[in-house]
Amino acid sequence: MKVRIKEPRINDALSNLSQSVSDLTSDSRTSRIFNKPTLKAFRRGKNLNDLLVRNSLLQNLPHQLPGTFPCNRTVCRTCPHVNSSSTIATPKGHVYITGHFSYITEHVVYCLSCTKCPSIVYIGETGRRLADRFREHRRDIINGRNDLPVPAHFNQPSHTLEDMKGRPSQPGIS
């Protein structure tokens, strides 16, 4: 069965491969090595469907406690900022964390809070690892990007990066 592919670059590559295999099987020096039929395969590139984010909720395993926990990587600049509390105090009440999270968890809604201003809460969402997103917030604070809400707060007088605490609050859209 012959499959025809509409992608010209793949057809060119397959044609070149077929010619190379033919050369190798007909050469007396390499015919012993290439004496079996070759298998040609390719992987298609990512398309829009692969890049879109899907909706899924993470399931907690029965032995995992709810809350946010350190990732236990040897060098981690985000774990010192973990708020291990299983509740988030907001101006309109408390939100209870029901999942088991760390900073390597992906697809989460997260909360950043200030140890000096408990009424200030920043809620964000990311499809990436929380450590990657937290690193961006951290870098923005260090670089003084005061046009953004998180660095603007933590660059105020008497505030430091160490005052920032974060935790995922629930599985997000993935």
N, C-alpha and C. Protein backbone atom coordinates (compact mmCIF):
# COMPACT_ATOMS: atom_id res chain seq x y z
N MET A 1 0.85 -1.17 0.00
CA MET A 1 0.00 0.00 0.00
C MET A 1 0.90 1.24 0.00
N LYS A 2 0.62 2.16 -0.85
CA LYS A 2 1.40 3.38 -0.93
C LYS A 2 0.56 4.54 -0.42
N VAL A 3 1.11 5.29 0.50
CA VAL A 3 0.42 6.44 1.07
C VAL A 3 1.01 7.69 0.46
N ARG A 4 0.15 8.55 -0.02
CA ARG A 4 0.62 9.81 -0.60
C ARG A 4 0.37 10.93 0.41
N ILE A 5 1.38 11.69 0.71
CA ILE A 5 1.28 12.76 1.70
C ILE A 5 1.28 14.08 0.94
N LYS A 6 0.42 15.00 1.36
CA LYS A 6 0.28 16.26 0.65
C LYS A 6 1.32 17.30 1.05
N GLU A 7 2.13 17.02 2.01
CA GLU A 7 3.15 17.97 2.47
C GLU A 7 4.39 17.81 1.59
N PRO A 8 4.75 18.80 0.79
CA PRO A 8 5.88 18.66 -0.14
C PRO A 8 7.21 18.39 0.55
N ARG A 9 7.44 19.00 1.71
CA ARG A 9 8.72 18.78 2.40
C ARG A 9 8.87 17.32 2.83
N ILE A 10 7.76 16.71 3.27
CA ILE A 10 7.82 15.31 3.70
C ILE A 10 8.03 14.42 2.48
N ASN A 11 7.33 14.71 1.37
CA ASN A 11 7.52 13.92 0.16
C ASN A 11 8.96 14.00 -0.32
N ASP A 12 9.56 15.18 -0.28
CA ASP A 12 10.96 15.32 -0.68
C ASP A 12 11.88 14.51 0.23
N ALA A 13 11.62 14.59 1.52
CA ALA A 13 12.45 13.84 2.48
C ALA A 13 12.30 12.34 2.27
N LEU A 14 11.08 11.86 2.04
CA LEU A 14 10.87 10.43 1.80
C LEU A 14 11.54 9.99 0.50
N SER A 15 11.48 10.83 -0.51
CA SER A 15 12.13 10.52 -1.79
C SER A 15 13.65 10.42 -1.60
N ASN A 16 14.22 11.37 -0.89
CA ASN A 16 15.66 11.34 -0.60
C ASN A 16 16.04 10.12 0.23
N LEU A 17 15.19 9.79 1.19
CA LEU A 17 15.46 8.62 2.03
C LEU A 17 15.41 7.34 1.20
N SER A 18 14.41 7.23 0.33
CA SER A 18 14.29 6.04 -0.51
C SER A 18 15.52 5.88 -1.40
N GLN A 19 16.00 6.97 -1.96
CA GLN A 19 17.18 6.92 -2.81
C GLN A 19 18.41 6.51 -2.00
N SER A 20 18.54 7.05 -0.79
CA SER A 20 19.69 6.70 0.06
C SER A 20 19.65 5.23 0.45
N VAL A 21 18.48 4.72 0.81
CA VAL A 21 18.35 3.31 1.18
C VAL A 21 18.66 2.43 -0.01
N SER A 22 18.19 2.83 -1.19
CA SER A 22 18.49 2.07 -2.40
C SER A 22 19.99 2.01 -2.66
N ASP A 23 20.65 3.12 -2.48
CA ASP A 23 22.11 3.16 -2.66
C ASP A 23 22.80 2.25 -1.65
N LEU A 24 22.34 2.27 -0.40
CA LEU A 24 22.98 1.46 0.64
C LEU A 24 22.74 -0.03 0.43
N THR A 25 21.57 -0.42 -0.03
CA THR A 25 21.29 -1.85 -0.23
C THR A 25 21.98 -2.40 -1.47
N SER A 26 22.28 -1.55 -2.45
CA SER A 26 22.94 -2.03 -3.66
C SER A 26 24.46 -2.02 -3.56
N ASP A 27 25.02 -1.32 -2.61
CA ASP A 27 26.47 -1.24 -2.43
C ASP A 27 26.95 -2.53 -1.75
N SER A 28 27.99 -3.13 -2.27
CA SER A 28 28.49 -4.39 -1.72
C SER A 28 29.04 -4.24 -0.30
N ARG A 29 29.54 -3.07 0.03
CA ARG A 29 30.10 -2.86 1.36
C ARG A 29 29.03 -2.70 2.44
N THR A 30 27.85 -2.22 2.09
CA THR A 30 26.80 -1.96 3.10
C THR A 30 25.57 -2.85 2.94
N SER A 31 25.53 -3.70 1.94
CA SER A 31 24.33 -4.50 1.70
C SER A 31 24.06 -5.50 2.83
N ARG A 32 25.11 -5.96 3.53
CA ARG A 32 24.89 -6.88 4.66
C ARG A 32 24.19 -6.17 5.81
N ILE A 33 24.47 -4.89 6.01
CA ILE A 33 23.88 -4.12 7.10
C ILE A 33 22.43 -3.75 6.77
N PHE A 34 22.19 -3.34 5.54
CA PHE A 34 20.87 -2.87 5.12
C PHE A 34 20.19 -3.92 4.25
N ASN A 35 20.04 -5.13 4.78
CA ASN A 35 19.45 -6.20 4.00
C ASN A 35 17.95 -6.38 4.26
N LYS A 36 17.39 -5.70 5.24
CA LYS A 36 15.97 -5.82 5.54
C LYS A 36 15.25 -4.58 5.04
N PRO A 37 13.94 -4.69 4.75
CA PRO A 37 13.20 -3.51 4.30
C PRO A 37 13.19 -2.43 5.38
N THR A 38 13.22 -1.20 4.96
CA THR A 38 13.23 -0.09 5.90
C THR A 38 11.81 0.35 6.23
N LEU A 39 11.65 0.88 7.39
CA LEU A 39 10.37 1.43 7.83
C LEU A 39 10.49 2.94 7.82
N LYS A 40 9.59 3.58 7.12
CA LYS A 40 9.61 5.04 7.04
C LYS A 40 8.49 5.57 7.91
N ALA A 41 8.81 6.50 8.78
CA ALA A 41 7.81 7.08 9.67
C ALA A 41 8.11 8.55 9.88
N PHE A 42 7.10 9.29 10.28
CA PHE A 42 7.30 10.69 10.61
C PHE A 42 6.29 11.06 11.68
N ARG A 43 6.55 12.15 12.34
CA ARG A 43 5.61 12.69 13.32
C ARG A 43 5.13 14.03 12.79
N ARG A 44 3.82 14.18 12.74
CA ARG A 44 3.30 15.44 12.25
C ARG A 44 3.56 16.54 13.27
N GLY A 45 3.69 17.75 12.80
CA GLY A 45 3.90 18.89 13.69
C GLY A 45 2.63 19.21 14.46
N LYS A 46 2.78 19.98 15.51
CA LYS A 46 1.62 20.38 16.31
C LYS A 46 0.71 21.28 15.48
N ASN A 47 -0.57 21.05 15.63
CA ASN A 47 -1.53 21.92 14.96
C ASN A 47 -2.30 22.70 16.02
N LEU A 48 -3.26 23.47 15.60
CA LEU A 48 -4.00 24.33 16.52
C LEU A 48 -4.71 23.52 17.60
N ASN A 49 -5.24 22.37 17.24
CA ASN A 49 -5.92 21.52 18.22
C ASN A 49 -4.97 21.07 19.33
N ASP A 50 -3.73 20.76 18.95
CA ASP A 50 -2.75 20.34 19.96
C ASP A 50 -2.37 21.48 20.89
N LEU A 51 -2.41 22.70 20.37
CA LEU A 51 -1.97 23.84 21.16
C LEU A 51 -3.05 24.41 22.06
N LEU A 52 -4.32 24.14 21.75
CA LEU A 52 -5.39 24.67 22.58
C LEU A 52 -5.42 23.97 23.93
N VAL A 53 -5.89 24.66 24.91
CA VAL A 53 -5.93 24.14 26.27
C VAL A 53 -7.26 23.44 26.48
N ARG A 54 -7.23 22.27 27.10
CA ARG A 54 -8.45 21.52 27.34
C ARG A 54 -8.86 21.63 28.80
N ASN A 55 -10.09 21.35 29.06
CA ASN A 55 -10.63 21.43 30.41
C ASN A 55 -10.53 20.06 31.08
N SER A 56 -9.80 19.97 32.16
CA SER A 56 -9.73 18.73 32.93
C SER A 56 -9.46 19.08 34.38
N LEU A 57 -10.01 18.30 35.26
CA LEU A 57 -9.79 18.51 36.69
C LEU A 57 -8.90 17.41 37.22
N LEU A 58 -7.93 17.78 38.01
CA LEU A 58 -7.03 16.80 38.60
C LEU A 58 -7.75 16.08 39.74
N GLN A 59 -7.53 14.81 39.85
CA GLN A 59 -8.14 14.03 40.91
C GLN A 59 -7.14 13.84 42.04
N ASN A 60 -7.57 14.02 43.26
CA ASN A 60 -6.70 13.78 44.41
C ASN A 60 -6.66 12.30 44.70
N LEU A 61 -5.48 11.80 44.97
CA LEU A 61 -5.38 10.43 45.42
C LEU A 61 -5.77 10.38 46.88
N PRO A 62 -6.35 9.28 47.36
CA PRO A 62 -6.86 9.24 48.73
C PRO A 62 -5.80 9.51 49.80
N HIS A 63 -4.53 9.17 49.54
CA HIS A 63 -3.49 9.33 50.56
C HIS A 63 -2.86 10.72 50.55
N GLN A 64 -3.28 11.58 49.64
CA GLN A 64 -2.69 12.92 49.56
C GLN A 64 -3.53 13.91 50.35
N LEU A 65 -2.86 14.66 51.20
CA LEU A 65 -3.55 15.67 51.99
C LEU A 65 -3.76 16.92 51.15
N PRO A 66 -4.86 17.63 51.38
CA PRO A 66 -5.04 18.89 50.64
C PRO A 66 -4.09 19.96 51.14
N GLY A 67 -3.71 20.85 50.24
CA GLY A 67 -2.83 21.95 50.61
C GLY A 67 -1.72 22.12 49.60
N THR A 68 -0.79 23.01 49.92
CA THR A 68 0.35 23.30 49.06
C THR A 68 1.61 22.83 49.76
N PHE A 69 2.46 22.14 49.04
CA PHE A 69 3.64 21.52 49.63
C PHE A 69 4.88 21.88 48.82
N PRO A 70 6.06 21.91 49.47
CA PRO A 70 7.30 22.18 48.74
C PRO A 70 7.54 21.12 47.68
N CYS A 71 8.21 21.49 46.59
CA CYS A 71 8.46 20.55 45.50
C CYS A 71 9.64 19.63 45.81
N ASN A 72 10.47 20.01 46.78
CA ASN A 72 11.64 19.22 47.21
C ASN A 72 12.72 19.11 46.14
N ARG A 73 12.76 20.06 45.20
CA ARG A 73 13.89 20.10 44.28
C ARG A 73 15.08 20.68 45.04
N THR A 74 16.29 20.31 44.64
CA THR A 74 17.47 20.74 45.41
C THR A 74 17.67 22.24 45.39
N VAL A 75 17.48 22.88 44.24
CA VAL A 75 17.62 24.33 44.15
C VAL A 75 16.27 24.88 43.72
N CYS A 76 15.55 25.45 44.64
CA CYS A 76 14.23 25.99 44.31
C CYS A 76 14.08 27.35 44.98
N ARG A 77 13.85 28.36 44.17
CA ARG A 77 13.67 29.70 44.73
C ARG A 77 12.21 30.01 45.03
N THR A 78 11.32 29.10 44.65
CA THR A 78 9.91 29.35 44.91
C THR A 78 9.42 28.70 46.20
N CYS A 79 10.02 27.59 46.60
CA CYS A 79 9.55 26.89 47.80
C CYS A 79 9.59 27.75 49.07
N PRO A 80 10.55 28.67 49.23
CA PRO A 80 10.50 29.53 50.42
C PRO A 80 9.25 30.41 50.47
N HIS A 81 8.57 30.56 49.34
CA HIS A 81 7.38 31.40 49.29
C HIS A 81 6.09 30.60 49.41
N VAL A 82 6.20 29.30 49.66
CA VAL A 82 5.00 28.46 49.76
C VAL A 82 4.23 28.82 51.02
N ASN A 83 2.95 29.06 50.85
CA ASN A 83 2.05 29.23 51.99
C ASN A 83 1.33 27.91 52.14
N SER A 84 1.64 27.17 53.18
CA SER A 84 1.11 25.81 53.34
C SER A 84 -0.27 25.76 53.96
N SER A 85 -0.87 26.89 54.23
CA SER A 85 -2.21 26.91 54.79
C SER A 85 -3.20 26.30 53.80
N SER A 86 -4.22 25.61 54.30
CA SER A 86 -5.22 25.00 53.42
C SER A 86 -6.42 25.92 53.21
N THR A 87 -6.32 27.17 53.68
CA THR A 87 -7.38 28.14 53.42
C THR A 87 -6.77 29.44 52.91
N ILE A 88 -7.55 30.16 52.15
CA ILE A 88 -7.15 31.46 51.64
C ILE A 88 -8.15 32.47 52.18
N ALA A 89 -7.64 33.45 52.93
CA ALA A 89 -8.52 34.50 53.44
C ALA A 89 -8.68 35.57 52.37
N THR A 90 -9.92 35.88 52.03
CA THR A 90 -10.22 36.93 51.06
C THR A 90 -11.11 37.95 51.73
N PRO A 91 -11.27 39.12 51.16
CA PRO A 91 -12.15 40.12 51.77
C PRO A 91 -13.59 39.64 51.94
N LYS A 92 -14.01 38.66 51.14
CA LYS A 92 -15.38 38.18 51.23
C LYS A 92 -15.50 36.80 51.89
N GLY A 93 -14.49 36.37 52.59
CA GLY A 93 -14.57 35.07 53.27
C GLY A 93 -13.34 34.23 53.03
N HIS A 94 -13.48 32.94 53.25
CA HIS A 94 -12.36 32.01 53.10
C HIS A 94 -12.62 31.07 51.93
N VAL A 95 -11.53 30.72 51.24
CA VAL A 95 -11.57 29.70 50.19
C VAL A 95 -10.76 28.53 50.72
N TYR A 96 -11.33 27.34 50.64
CA TYR A 96 -10.65 26.16 51.14
C TYR A 96 -9.96 25.41 50.00
N ILE A 97 -8.71 25.08 50.20
CA ILE A 97 -7.94 24.34 49.20
C ILE A 97 -8.25 22.86 49.39
N THR A 98 -8.76 22.24 48.34
CA THR A 98 -9.13 20.83 48.44
C THR A 98 -8.17 19.92 47.70
N GLY A 99 -7.26 20.49 46.90
CA GLY A 99 -6.33 19.68 46.13
C GLY A 99 -4.96 19.58 46.78
N HIS A 100 -4.13 18.72 46.25
CA HIS A 100 -2.75 18.52 46.69
C HIS A 100 -1.86 19.17 45.63
N PHE A 101 -1.15 20.25 46.00
CA PHE A 101 -0.40 21.04 45.04
C PHE A 101 1.03 21.26 45.48
N SER A 102 1.88 21.53 44.48
CA SER A 102 3.23 22.04 44.73
C SER A 102 3.50 23.05 43.62
N TYR A 103 4.68 23.63 43.61
CA TYR A 103 5.00 24.62 42.59
C TYR A 103 5.31 23.99 41.24
N ILE A 104 5.36 22.67 41.18
CA ILE A 104 5.54 22.02 39.88
C ILE A 104 4.20 21.58 39.30
N THR A 105 3.10 21.89 39.99
CA THR A 105 1.76 21.59 39.48
C THR A 105 1.46 22.51 38.30
N GLU A 106 0.83 21.96 37.28
CA GLU A 106 0.45 22.72 36.10
C GLU A 106 -1.05 22.96 36.09
N HIS A 107 -1.49 23.93 35.32
CA HIS A 107 -2.92 24.22 35.08
C HIS A 107 -3.64 24.51 36.39
N VAL A 108 -3.29 25.60 37.03
CA VAL A 108 -3.91 25.93 38.31
C VAL A 108 -4.34 27.39 38.38
N VAL A 109 -5.31 27.64 39.24
CA VAL A 109 -5.63 28.98 39.68
C VAL A 109 -4.82 29.17 40.95
N TYR A 110 -4.10 30.28 41.07
CA TYR A 110 -3.21 30.46 42.20
C TYR A 110 -3.49 31.78 42.90
N CYS A 111 -2.99 31.86 44.11
CA CYS A 111 -3.21 33.04 44.94
C CYS A 111 -1.87 33.53 45.46
N LEU A 112 -1.61 34.82 45.30
CA LEU A 112 -0.42 35.45 45.90
C LEU A 112 -0.91 36.39 46.98
N SER A 113 -0.28 36.32 48.13
CA SER A 113 -0.69 37.20 49.23
C SER A 113 0.55 37.83 49.85
N CYS A 114 0.31 38.84 50.65
CA CYS A 114 1.38 39.58 51.30
C CYS A 114 1.30 39.31 52.80
N THR A 115 2.44 38.99 53.41
CA THR A 115 2.44 38.72 54.85
C THR A 115 2.17 39.99 55.66
N LYS A 116 2.50 41.16 55.10
CA LYS A 116 2.27 42.42 55.81
C LYS A 116 0.88 43.00 55.56
N CYS A 117 0.24 42.61 54.48
CA CYS A 117 -1.09 43.13 54.12
C CYS A 117 -2.02 41.93 53.86
N PRO A 118 -2.53 41.28 54.89
CA PRO A 118 -3.32 40.07 54.68
C PRO A 118 -4.59 40.27 53.87
N SER A 119 -5.07 41.51 53.76
CA SER A 119 -6.29 41.74 52.99
C SER A 119 -6.02 41.84 51.49
N ILE A 120 -4.73 41.94 51.09
CA ILE A 120 -4.37 42.04 49.68
C ILE A 120 -4.15 40.63 49.14
N VAL A 121 -4.95 40.26 48.13
CA VAL A 121 -4.84 38.94 47.52
C VAL A 121 -4.85 39.12 46.00
N TYR A 122 -3.89 38.51 45.33
CA TYR A 122 -3.84 38.52 43.87
C TYR A 122 -4.18 37.12 43.40
N ILE A 123 -5.16 36.99 42.52
CA ILE A 123 -5.56 35.69 41.97
C ILE A 123 -5.13 35.65 40.51
N GLY A 124 -4.47 34.58 40.12
CA GLY A 124 -4.04 34.40 38.74
C GLY A 124 -4.31 32.99 38.28
N GLU A 125 -4.11 32.76 37.00
CA GLU A 125 -4.31 31.43 36.43
C GLU A 125 -3.21 31.17 35.43
N THR A 126 -2.71 29.94 35.42
CA THR A 126 -1.67 29.58 34.46
C THR A 126 -1.87 28.15 33.99
N GLY A 127 -1.51 27.90 32.75
CA GLY A 127 -1.53 26.55 32.22
C GLY A 127 -0.16 25.89 32.34
N ARG A 128 0.83 26.69 32.70
CA ARG A 128 2.19 26.17 32.86
C ARG A 128 2.43 25.75 34.31
N ARG A 129 3.66 25.33 34.60
CA ARG A 129 4.00 25.03 35.98
C ARG A 129 3.91 26.31 36.81
N LEU A 130 3.41 26.18 38.01
CA LEU A 130 3.28 27.35 38.87
C LEU A 130 4.65 27.97 39.16
N ALA A 131 5.69 27.16 39.26
CA ALA A 131 7.04 27.68 39.51
C ALA A 131 7.47 28.62 38.39
N ASP A 132 7.13 28.29 37.14
CA ASP A 132 7.49 29.15 36.01
C ASP A 132 6.78 30.49 36.11
N ARG A 133 5.50 30.46 36.43
CA ARG A 133 4.74 31.70 36.53
C ARG A 133 5.20 32.52 37.74
N PHE A 134 5.47 31.84 38.85
CA PHE A 134 5.92 32.53 40.05
C PHE A 134 7.28 33.18 39.80
N ARG A 135 8.13 32.49 39.04
CA ARG A 135 9.45 33.04 38.70
C ARG A 135 9.29 34.35 37.93
N GLU A 136 8.28 34.43 37.06
CA GLU A 136 8.04 35.67 36.33
C GLU A 136 7.62 36.80 37.27
N HIS A 137 6.72 36.49 38.22
CA HIS A 137 6.32 37.50 39.20
C HIS A 137 7.55 37.96 40.00
N ARG A 138 8.36 37.01 40.40
CA ARG A 138 9.57 37.31 41.19
C ARG A 138 10.53 38.21 40.40
N ARG A 139 10.73 37.87 39.13
CA ARG A 139 11.62 38.66 38.27
C ARG A 139 11.07 40.08 38.07
N ASP A 140 9.75 40.20 37.92
CA ASP A 140 9.15 41.52 37.76
C ASP A 140 9.35 42.38 39.01
N ILE A 141 9.30 41.77 40.18
CA ILE A 141 9.54 42.51 41.42
C ILE A 141 11.00 42.97 41.49
N ILE A 142 11.91 42.06 41.19
CA ILE A 142 13.34 42.38 41.24
C ILE A 142 13.69 43.47 40.23
N ASN A 143 13.08 43.41 39.03
CA ASN A 143 13.37 44.39 37.98
C ASN A 143 12.56 45.67 38.12
N GLY A 144 11.71 45.77 39.13
CA GLY A 144 10.98 47.00 39.38
C GLY A 144 9.90 47.31 38.36
N ARG A 145 9.22 46.29 37.84
CA ARG A 145 8.15 46.51 36.86
C ARG A 145 6.88 46.98 37.58
N ASN A 146 6.87 48.19 38.05
CA ASN A 146 5.77 48.70 38.86
C ASN A 146 4.51 49.01 38.06
N ASP A 147 4.52 48.79 36.76
CA ASP A 147 3.31 48.96 35.97
C ASP A 147 2.39 47.74 36.09
N LEU A 148 2.87 46.68 36.74
CA LEU A 148 2.07 45.48 36.97
C LEU A 148 1.65 45.42 38.44
N PRO A 149 0.49 44.82 38.74
CA PRO A 149 -0.02 44.88 40.12
C PRO A 149 0.84 44.20 41.17
N VAL A 150 1.38 43.02 40.86
CA VAL A 150 2.16 42.30 41.89
C VAL A 150 3.45 43.03 42.23
N PRO A 151 4.30 43.38 41.25
CA PRO A 151 5.52 44.12 41.60
C PRO A 151 5.23 45.50 42.18
N ALA A 152 4.16 46.13 41.74
CA ALA A 152 3.83 47.45 42.30
C ALA A 152 3.58 47.35 43.80
N HIS A 153 2.94 46.28 44.24
CA HIS A 153 2.68 46.13 45.67
C HIS A 153 3.96 45.79 46.44
N PHE A 154 4.72 44.81 45.94
CA PHE A 154 5.88 44.34 46.69
C PHE A 154 7.10 45.25 46.56
N ASN A 155 7.04 46.26 45.71
CA ASN A 155 8.11 47.26 45.64
C ASN A 155 7.76 48.52 46.43
N GLN A 156 6.67 48.49 47.17
CA GLN A 156 6.32 49.61 48.03
C GLN A 156 7.30 49.69 49.20
N PRO A 157 7.42 50.86 49.84
CA PRO A 157 8.28 50.97 51.01
C PRO A 157 7.84 49.97 52.09
N SER A 158 8.77 49.44 52.77
CA SER A 158 8.61 48.45 53.85
C SER A 158 8.10 47.09 53.36
N HIS A 159 8.09 46.86 52.05
CA HIS A 159 7.75 45.55 51.50
C HIS A 159 8.96 44.97 50.80
N THR A 160 9.07 43.65 50.82
CA THR A 160 10.15 42.97 50.12
C THR A 160 9.60 41.74 49.41
N LEU A 161 10.43 41.13 48.61
CA LEU A 161 10.07 39.90 47.92
C LEU A 161 9.73 38.80 48.92
N GLU A 162 10.39 38.81 50.06
CA GLU A 162 10.15 37.79 51.08
C GLU A 162 8.75 37.87 51.67
N ASP A 163 8.07 38.99 51.49
CA ASP A 163 6.71 39.13 52.01
C ASP A 163 5.68 38.41 51.14
N MET A 164 6.08 38.01 49.94
CA MET A 164 5.13 37.37 49.03
C MET A 164 5.02 35.88 49.35
N LYS A 165 3.79 35.42 49.48
CA LYS A 165 3.49 34.01 49.69
C LYS A 165 2.50 33.59 48.62
N GLY A 166 2.66 32.40 48.14
CA GLY A 166 1.78 31.92 47.08
C GLY A 166 1.34 30.51 47.30
N ARG A 167 0.22 30.16 46.65
CA ARG A 167 -0.27 28.79 46.71
C ARG A 167 -1.31 28.61 45.62
N PRO A 168 -1.34 27.42 45.05
CA PRO A 168 -2.43 27.11 44.14
C PRO A 168 -3.72 26.94 44.94
N SER A 169 -4.84 27.30 44.34
CA SER A 169 -6.08 27.16 45.08
C SER A 169 -6.98 26.09 44.49
N GLN A 170 -6.88 25.84 43.22
CA GLN A 170 -7.71 24.79 42.62
C GLN A 170 -7.16 24.44 41.25
N PRO A 171 -7.54 23.26 40.75
CA PRO A 171 -7.14 22.97 39.38
C PRO A 171 -7.77 23.98 38.45
N GLY A 172 -7.01 24.42 37.51
CA GLY A 172 -7.51 25.41 36.57
C GLY A 172 -7.97 24.77 35.29
N ILE A 173 -8.14 25.56 34.30
CA ILE A 173 -8.56 25.07 32.99
C ILE A 173 -7.32 24.58 32.27
N SER A 174 -7.36 23.35 31.83
CA SER A 174 -6.20 22.79 31.13
C SER A 174 -6.59 22.13 29.84
